[in-house]
Structure formats: C-alpha cells, structure tokens
Amino acid sequence: MSGIKSSVNFLGVAVRSQIVSKAALSHKPAKHHISAGEQAIALTVFFITILGPSGYVLAHLEDYKHHS
C-alpha cells in the first residue's frame, strides 16, 4: 500500500512540474493590415513550398522503384 502511495506522490510531482503558465495575450488590433491578395500569395507560396517536393517525389515514385 505504501508503494502505491509513493508512486502516486511521484507522479503528482511530475505532473505539477509540467504545468506551463499562460502566455501574455493582447487584444489589440493588428499593426499592419494584410490585404486578401497578400494573404492569397502567402498561402500559395506556403502550399507550393510544402507540397511541391512531396508531389514531385510521389509523381516519380515508379522511377525510384526501377532504379533500385
């Protein structure tokens, strides 16, 4: 019984040490207004940057299989 109690205490200490305080959030409006066009360009660049290389690899997957 004492073993269970000590393990519960140990787990309680571990959980308490992982609690992180909340970030200081502000409710102010944005300093710079970003237009819809700028947002569309940014999203397009992100999607191409992330999905472009993986799409290329998947499109040429059969080529990789034949060379190995």
PDB file of N, CA and C in Angstrom:
ATOM      1  N   MET A   1       0.825  -1.192   0.000  1.00  0.00           N
ATOM      2  CA  MET A   1       0.000   0.000   0.000  1.00  0.00           C
ATOM      3  C   MET A   1       0.870   1.258   0.000  1.00  0.00           C
ATOM      4  N   SER A   2       1.978   1.211   0.752  1.00  0.00           N
ATOM      5  CA  SER A   2       2.849   2.382   0.807  1.00  0.00           C
ATOM      6  C   SER A   2       3.551   2.595  -0.535  1.00  0.00           C
ATOM      7  N   GLY A   3       3.776   1.502  -1.276  1.00  0.00           N
ATOM      8  CA  GLY A   3       4.392   1.624  -2.599  1.00  0.00           C
ATOM      9  C   GLY A   3       3.494   2.371  -3.562  1.00  0.00           C
ATOM     10  N   ILE A   4       2.199   2.119  -3.490  1.00  0.00           N
ATOM     11  CA  ILE A   4       1.237   2.821  -4.345  1.00  0.00           C
ATOM     12  C   ILE A   4       1.193   4.297  -3.990  1.00  0.00           C
ATOM     13  N   LYS A   5       1.204   4.576  -2.685  1.00  0.00           N
ATOM     14  CA  LYS A   5       1.142   5.962  -2.231  1.00  0.00           C
ATOM     15  C   LYS A   5       2.378   6.742  -2.679  1.00  0.00           C
ATOM     16  N   SER A   6       3.553   6.126  -2.614  1.00  0.00           N
ATOM     17  CA  SER A   6       4.772   6.823  -3.026  1.00  0.00           C
ATOM     18  C   SER A   6       4.805   7.022  -4.538  1.00  0.00           C
ATOM     19  N   SER A   7       4.276   6.035  -5.287  1.00  0.00           N
ATOM     20  CA  SER A   7       4.252   6.214  -6.746  1.00  0.00           C
ATOM     21  C   SER A   7       3.258   7.295  -7.150  1.00  0.00           C
ATOM     22  N   VAL A   8       2.133   7.404  -6.441  1.00  0.00           N
ATOM     23  CA  VAL A   8       1.167   8.471  -6.721  1.00  0.00           C
ATOM     24  C   VAL A   8       1.782   9.827  -6.405  1.00  0.00           C
ATOM     25  N   ASN A   9       2.508   9.922  -5.316  1.00  0.00           N
ATOM     26  CA  ASN A   9       3.182  11.175  -4.977  1.00  0.00           C
ATOM     27  C   ASN A   9       4.223  11.539  -6.029  1.00  0.00           C
ATOM     28  N   PHE A  10       4.963  10.536  -6.506  1.00  0.00           N
ATOM     29  CA  PHE A  10       5.976  10.776  -7.529  1.00  0.00           C
ATOM     30  C   PHE A  10       5.336  11.286  -8.817  1.00  0.00           C
ATOM     31  N   LEU A  11       4.218  10.667  -9.214  1.00  0.00           N
ATOM     32  CA  LEU A  11       3.523  11.104 -10.425  1.00  0.00           C
ATOM     33  C   LEU A  11       2.937  12.504 -10.251  1.00  0.00           C
ATOM     34  N   GLY A  12       2.463  12.813  -9.063  1.00  0.00           N
ATOM     35  CA  GLY A  12       1.923  14.146  -8.800  1.00  0.00           C
ATOM     36  C   GLY A  12       2.992  15.219  -8.945  1.00  0.00           C
ATOM     37  N   VAL A  13       4.189  14.942  -8.477  1.00  0.00           N
ATOM     38  CA  VAL A  13       5.302  15.891  -8.614  1.00  0.00           C
ATOM     39  C   VAL A  13       5.650  16.070 -10.085  1.00  0.00           C
ATOM     40  N   ALA A  14       5.642  14.976 -10.843  1.00  0.00           N
ATOM     41  CA  ALA A  14       5.974  15.056 -12.267  1.00  0.00           C
ATOM     42  C   ALA A  14       4.936  15.878 -13.023  1.00  0.00           C
ATOM     43  N   VAL A  15       3.678  15.712 -12.695  1.00  0.00           N
ATOM     44  CA  VAL A  15       2.618  16.462 -13.378  1.00  0.00           C
ATOM     45  C   VAL A  15       2.683  17.939 -13.013  1.00  0.00           C
ATOM     46  N   ARG A  16       2.916  18.238 -11.753  1.00  0.00           N
ATOM     47  CA  ARG A  16       2.972  19.646 -11.332  1.00  0.00           C
ATOM     48  C   ARG A  16       4.139  20.389 -11.975  1.00  0.00           C
ATOM     49  N   SER A  17       5.237  19.707 -12.247  1.00  0.00           N
ATOM     50  CA  SER A  17       6.394  20.378 -12.828  1.00  0.00           C
ATOM     51  C   SER A  17       6.195  20.664 -14.314  1.00  0.00           C
ATOM     52  N   GLN A  18       5.219  20.026 -14.973  1.00  0.00           N
ATOM     53  CA  GLN A  18       4.993  20.235 -16.395  1.00  0.00           C
ATOM     54  C   GLN A  18       3.949  21.306 -16.682  1.00  0.00           C
ATOM     55  N   ILE A  19       3.327  21.855 -15.682  1.00  0.00           N
ATOM     56  CA  ILE A  19       2.317  22.887 -15.896  1.00  0.00           C
ATOM     57  C   ILE A  19       3.011  24.160 -16.353  1.00  0.00           C
ATOM     58  N   VAL A  20       2.519  24.725 -17.456  1.00  0.00           N
ATOM     59  CA  VAL A  20       3.122  25.916 -18.039  1.00  0.00           C
ATOM     60  C   VAL A  20       2.149  27.065 -17.871  1.00  0.00           C
ATOM     61  N   SER A  21       2.666  28.225 -17.502  1.00  0.00           N
ATOM     62  CA  SER A  21       1.787  29.375 -17.336  1.00  0.00           C
ATOM     63  C   SER A  21       1.294  29.859 -18.687  1.00  0.00           C
ATOM     64  N   LYS A  22       0.175  30.566 -18.674  1.00  0.00           N
ATOM     65  CA  LYS A  22      -0.416  31.076 -19.910  1.00  0.00           C
ATOM     66  C   LYS A  22       0.441  32.192 -20.496  1.00  0.00           C
ATOM     67  N   ALA A  23       0.418  32.285 -21.800  1.00  0.00           N
ATOM     68  CA  ALA A  23       1.159  33.349 -22.469  1.00  0.00           C
ATOM     69  C   ALA A  23       0.412  34.668 -22.289  1.00  0.00           C
ATOM     70  N   ALA A  24       1.142  35.742 -22.309  1.00  0.00           N
ATOM     71  CA  ALA A  24       0.532  37.058 -22.189  1.00  0.00           C
ATOM     72  C   ALA A  24      -0.043  37.452 -23.555  1.00  0.00           C
ATOM     73  N   LEU A  25      -1.361  37.362 -23.693  1.00  0.00           N
ATOM     74  CA  LEU A  25      -2.013  37.693 -24.944  1.00  0.00           C
ATOM     75  C   LEU A  25      -2.533  39.121 -24.877  1.00  0.00           C
ATOM     76  N   SER A  26      -2.460  39.792 -25.986  1.00  0.00           N
ATOM     77  CA  SER A  26      -3.012  41.142 -26.036  1.00  0.00           C
ATOM     78  C   SER A  26      -4.191  41.160 -26.989  1.00  0.00           C
ATOM     79  N   HIS A  27      -5.122  42.035 -26.743  1.00  0.00           N
ATOM     80  CA  HIS A  27      -6.327  42.122 -27.558  1.00  0.00           C
ATOM     81  C   HIS A  27      -6.316  43.376 -28.415  1.00  0.00           C
ATOM     82  N   LYS A  28      -5.151  43.790 -28.826  1.00  0.00           N
ATOM     83  CA  LYS A  28      -5.027  44.977 -29.651  1.00  0.00           C
ATOM     84  C   LYS A  28      -5.220  44.595 -31.109  1.00  0.00           C
ATOM     85  N   PRO A  29      -5.673  45.541 -31.925  1.00  0.00           N
ATOM     86  CA  PRO A  29      -5.779  45.243 -33.359  1.00  0.00           C
ATOM     87  C   PRO A  29      -4.398  45.106 -33.994  1.00  0.00           C
ATOM     88  N   ALA A  30      -4.359  44.489 -35.145  1.00  0.00           N
ATOM     89  CA  ALA A  30      -3.089  44.282 -35.841  1.00  0.00           C
ATOM     90  C   ALA A  30      -2.445  45.612 -36.206  1.00  0.00           C
ATOM     91  N   LYS A  31      -1.126  45.652 -36.165  1.00  0.00           N
ATOM     92  CA  LYS A  31      -0.412  46.886 -36.506  1.00  0.00           C
ATOM     93  C   LYS A  31      -0.427  47.138 -38.007  1.00  0.00           C
ATOM     94  N   HIS A  32      -0.348  46.059 -38.796  1.00  0.00           N
ATOM     95  CA  HIS A  32      -0.320  46.190 -40.254  1.00  0.00           C
ATOM     96  C   HIS A  32      -1.468  45.389 -40.842  1.00  0.00           C
ATOM     97  N   HIS A  33      -2.243  46.033 -41.702  1.00  0.00           N
ATOM     98  CA  HIS A  33      -3.344  45.346 -42.363  1.00  0.00           C
ATOM     99  C   HIS A  33      -2.801  44.592 -43.573  1.00  0.00           C
ATOM    100  N   ILE A  34      -3.147  43.309 -43.684  1.00  0.00           N
ATOM    101  CA  ILE A  34      -2.717  42.488 -44.815  1.00  0.00           C
ATOM    102  C   ILE A  34      -3.931  42.269 -45.701  1.00  0.00           C
ATOM    103  N   SER A  35      -3.795  42.651 -46.967  1.00  0.00           N
ATOM    104  CA  SER A  35      -4.927  42.541 -47.881  1.00  0.00           C
ATOM    105  C   SER A  35      -5.194  41.085 -48.251  1.00  0.00           C
ATOM    106  N   ALA A  36      -6.336  40.838 -48.864  1.00  0.00           N
ATOM    107  CA  ALA A  36      -6.707  39.483 -49.268  1.00  0.00           C
ATOM    108  C   ALA A  36      -5.740  38.954 -50.332  1.00  0.00           C
ATOM    109  N   GLY A  37      -5.272  39.821 -51.205  1.00  0.00           N
ATOM    110  CA  GLY A  37      -4.317  39.404 -52.226  1.00  0.00           C
ATOM    111  C   GLY A  37      -3.007  38.951 -51.622  1.00  0.00           C
ATOM    112  N   GLU A  38      -2.524  39.698 -50.637  1.00  0.00           N
ATOM    113  CA  GLU A  38      -1.272  39.317 -49.966  1.00  0.00           C
ATOM    114  C   GLU A  38      -1.436  37.999 -49.219  1.00  0.00           C
ATOM    115  N   GLN A  39      -2.597  37.781 -48.611  1.00  0.00           N
ATOM    116  CA  GLN A  39      -2.851  36.528 -47.921  1.00  0.00           C
ATOM    117  C   GLN A  39      -2.888  35.364 -48.910  1.00  0.00           C
ATOM    118  N   ALA A  40      -3.505  35.581 -50.064  1.00  0.00           N
ATOM    119  CA  ALA A  40      -3.583  34.531 -51.085  1.00  0.00           C
ATOM    120  C   ALA A  40      -2.193  34.182 -51.605  1.00  0.00           C
ATOM    121  N   ILE A  41      -1.362  35.191 -51.833  1.00  0.00           N
ATOM    122  CA  ILE A  41       0.003  34.946 -52.301  1.00  0.00           C
ATOM    123  C   ILE A  41       0.794  34.180 -51.243  1.00  0.00           C
ATOM    124  N   ALA A  42       0.663  34.560 -49.991  1.00  0.00           N
ATOM    125  CA  ALA A  42       1.392  33.886 -48.912  1.00  0.00           C
ATOM    126  C   ALA A  42       0.964  32.422 -48.790  1.00  0.00           C
ATOM    127  N   LEU A  43      -0.342  32.167 -48.843  1.00  0.00           N
ATOM    128  CA  LEU A  43      -0.817  30.786 -48.752  1.00  0.00           C
ATOM    129  C   LEU A  43      -0.353  29.953 -49.939  1.00  0.00           C
ATOM    130  N   THR A  44      -0.357  30.563 -51.128  1.00  0.00           N
ATOM    131  CA  THR A  44       0.110  29.850 -52.322  1.00  0.00           C
ATOM    132  C   THR A  44       1.575  29.475 -52.186  1.00  0.00           C
ATOM    133  N   VAL A  45       2.387  30.396 -51.711  1.00  0.00           N
ATOM    134  CA  VAL A  45       3.818  30.124 -51.533  1.00  0.00           C
ATOM    135  C   VAL A  45       4.025  29.014 -50.501  1.00  0.00           C
ATOM    136  N   PHE A  46       3.278  29.060 -49.393  1.00  0.00           N
ATOM    137  CA  PHE A  46       3.402  28.017 -48.379  1.00  0.00           C
ATOM    138  C   PHE A  46       3.024  26.651 -48.946  1.00  0.00           C
ATOM    139  N   PHE A  47       1.904  26.587 -49.660  1.00  0.00           N
ATOM    140  CA  PHE A  47       1.459  25.311 -50.207  1.00  0.00           C
ATOM    141  C   PHE A  47       2.455  24.762 -51.225  1.00  0.00           C
ATOM    142  N   ILE A  48       2.971  25.625 -52.092  1.00  0.00           N
ATOM    143  CA  ILE A  48       3.943  25.166 -53.085  1.00  0.00           C
ATOM    144  C   ILE A  48       5.228  24.699 -52.406  1.00  0.00           C
ATOM    145  N   THR A  49       5.661  25.435 -51.386  1.00  0.00           N
ATOM    146  CA  THR A  49       6.890  25.081 -50.677  1.00  0.00           C
ATOM    147  C   THR A  49       6.767  23.735 -49.970  1.00  0.00           C
ATOM    148  N   ILE A  50       5.620  23.477 -49.387  1.00  0.00           N
ATOM    149  CA  ILE A  50       5.449  22.240 -48.632  1.00  0.00           C
ATOM    150  C   ILE A  50       5.036  21.079 -49.537  1.00  0.00           C
ATOM    151  N   LEU A  51       4.062  21.308 -50.422  1.00  0.00           N
ATOM    152  CA  LEU A  51       3.516  20.213 -51.210  1.00  0.00           C
ATOM    153  C   LEU A  51       4.264  19.965 -52.514  1.00  0.00           C
ATOM    154  N   GLY A  52       5.017  20.918 -52.996  1.00  0.00           N
ATOM    155  CA  GLY A  52       5.729  20.752 -54.258  1.00  0.00           C
ATOM    156  C   GLY A  52       6.724  19.606 -54.250  1.00  0.00           C
ATOM    157  N   PRO A  53       7.678  19.587 -53.335  1.00  0.00           N
ATOM    158  CA  PRO A  53       8.650  18.487 -53.326  1.00  0.00           C
ATOM    159  C   PRO A  53       8.020  17.112 -53.092  1.00  0.00           C
ATOM    160  N   SER A  54       7.050  17.037 -52.194  1.00  0.00           N
ATOM    161  CA  SER A  54       6.421  15.740 -51.946  1.00  0.00           C
ATOM    162  C   SER A  54       5.610  15.296 -53.152  1.00  0.00           C
ATOM    163  N   GLY A  55       4.974  16.221 -53.849  1.00  0.00           N
ATOM    164  CA  GLY A  55       4.245  15.869 -55.061  1.00  0.00           C
ATOM    165  C   GLY A  55       5.173  15.379 -56.155  1.00  0.00           C
ATOM    166  N   TYR A  56       6.331  15.996 -56.261  1.00  0.00           N
ATOM    167  CA  TYR A  56       7.321  15.560 -57.259  1.00  0.00           C
ATOM    168  C   TYR A  56       7.787  14.135 -56.963  1.00  0.00           C
ATOM    169  N   VAL A  57       8.086  13.862 -55.709  1.00  0.00           N
ATOM    170  CA  VAL A  57       8.556  12.530 -55.335  1.00  0.00           C
ATOM    171  C   VAL A  57       7.466  11.496 -55.608  1.00  0.00           C
ATOM    172  N   LEU A  58       6.223  11.811 -55.245  1.00  0.00           N
ATOM    173  CA  LEU A  58       5.141  10.864 -55.476  1.00  0.00           C
ATOM    174  C   LEU A  58       4.875  10.668 -56.966  1.00  0.00           C
ATOM    175  N   ALA A  59       5.039  11.704 -57.764  1.00  0.00           N
ATOM    176  CA  ALA A  59       4.819  11.584 -59.204  1.00  0.00           C
ATOM    177  C   ALA A  59       5.896  10.729 -59.864  1.00  0.00           C
ATOM    178  N   HIS A  60       7.097  10.714 -59.301  1.00  0.00           N
ATOM    179  CA  HIS A  60       8.204   9.958 -59.872  1.00  0.00           C
ATOM    180  C   HIS A  60       8.544   8.713 -59.049  1.00  0.00           C
ATOM    181  N   LEU A  61       7.608   8.226 -58.289  1.00  0.00           N
ATOM    182  CA  LEU A  61       7.847   7.088 -57.410  1.00  0.00           C
ATOM    183  C   LEU A  61       8.215   5.834 -58.191  1.00  0.00           C
ATOM    184  N   GLU A  62       7.590   5.626 -59.334  1.00  0.00           N
ATOM    185  CA  GLU A  62       7.906   4.450 -60.143  1.00  0.00           C
ATOM    186  C   GLU A  62       9.334   4.511 -60.668  1.00  0.00           C
ATOM    187  N   ASP A  63       9.811   5.705 -61.000  1.00  0.00           N
ATOM    188  CA  ASP A  63      11.202   5.846 -61.446  1.00  0.00           C
ATOM    189  C   ASP A  63      12.180   5.446 -60.348  1.00  0.00           C
ATOM    190  N   TYR A  64      11.859   5.834 -59.105  1.00  0.00           N
ATOM    191  CA  TYR A  64      12.728   5.480 -57.983  1.00  0.00           C
ATOM    192  C   TYR A  64      12.728   3.973 -57.750  1.00  0.00           C
ATOM    193  N   LYS A  65      11.580   3.333 -57.933  1.00  0.00           N
ATOM    194  CA  LYS A  65      11.483   1.893 -57.720  1.00  0.00           C
ATOM    195  C   LYS A  65      12.315   1.107 -58.751  1.00  0.00           C
ATOM    196  N   HIS A  66      12.325   1.569 -59.990  1.00  0.00           N
ATOM    197  CA  HIS A  66      13.029   0.836 -61.047  1.00  0.00           C
ATOM    198  C   HIS A  66      14.544   0.960 -60.928  1.00  0.00           C
ATOM    199  N   HIS A  67      15.048   2.052 -60.389  1.00  0.00           N
ATOM    200  CA  HIS A  67      16.495   2.237 -60.291  1.00  0.00           C
ATOM    201  C   HIS A  67      17.101   1.453 -59.136  1.00  0.00           C
ATOM    202  N   SER A  68      16.325   1.099 -58.173  1.00  0.00           N
ATOM    203  CA  SER A  68      16.883   0.412 -57.002  1.00  0.00           C
ATOM    204  C   SER A  68      17.086  -1.044 -57.217  1.00  0.00           C
TER     205      SER A  68
END
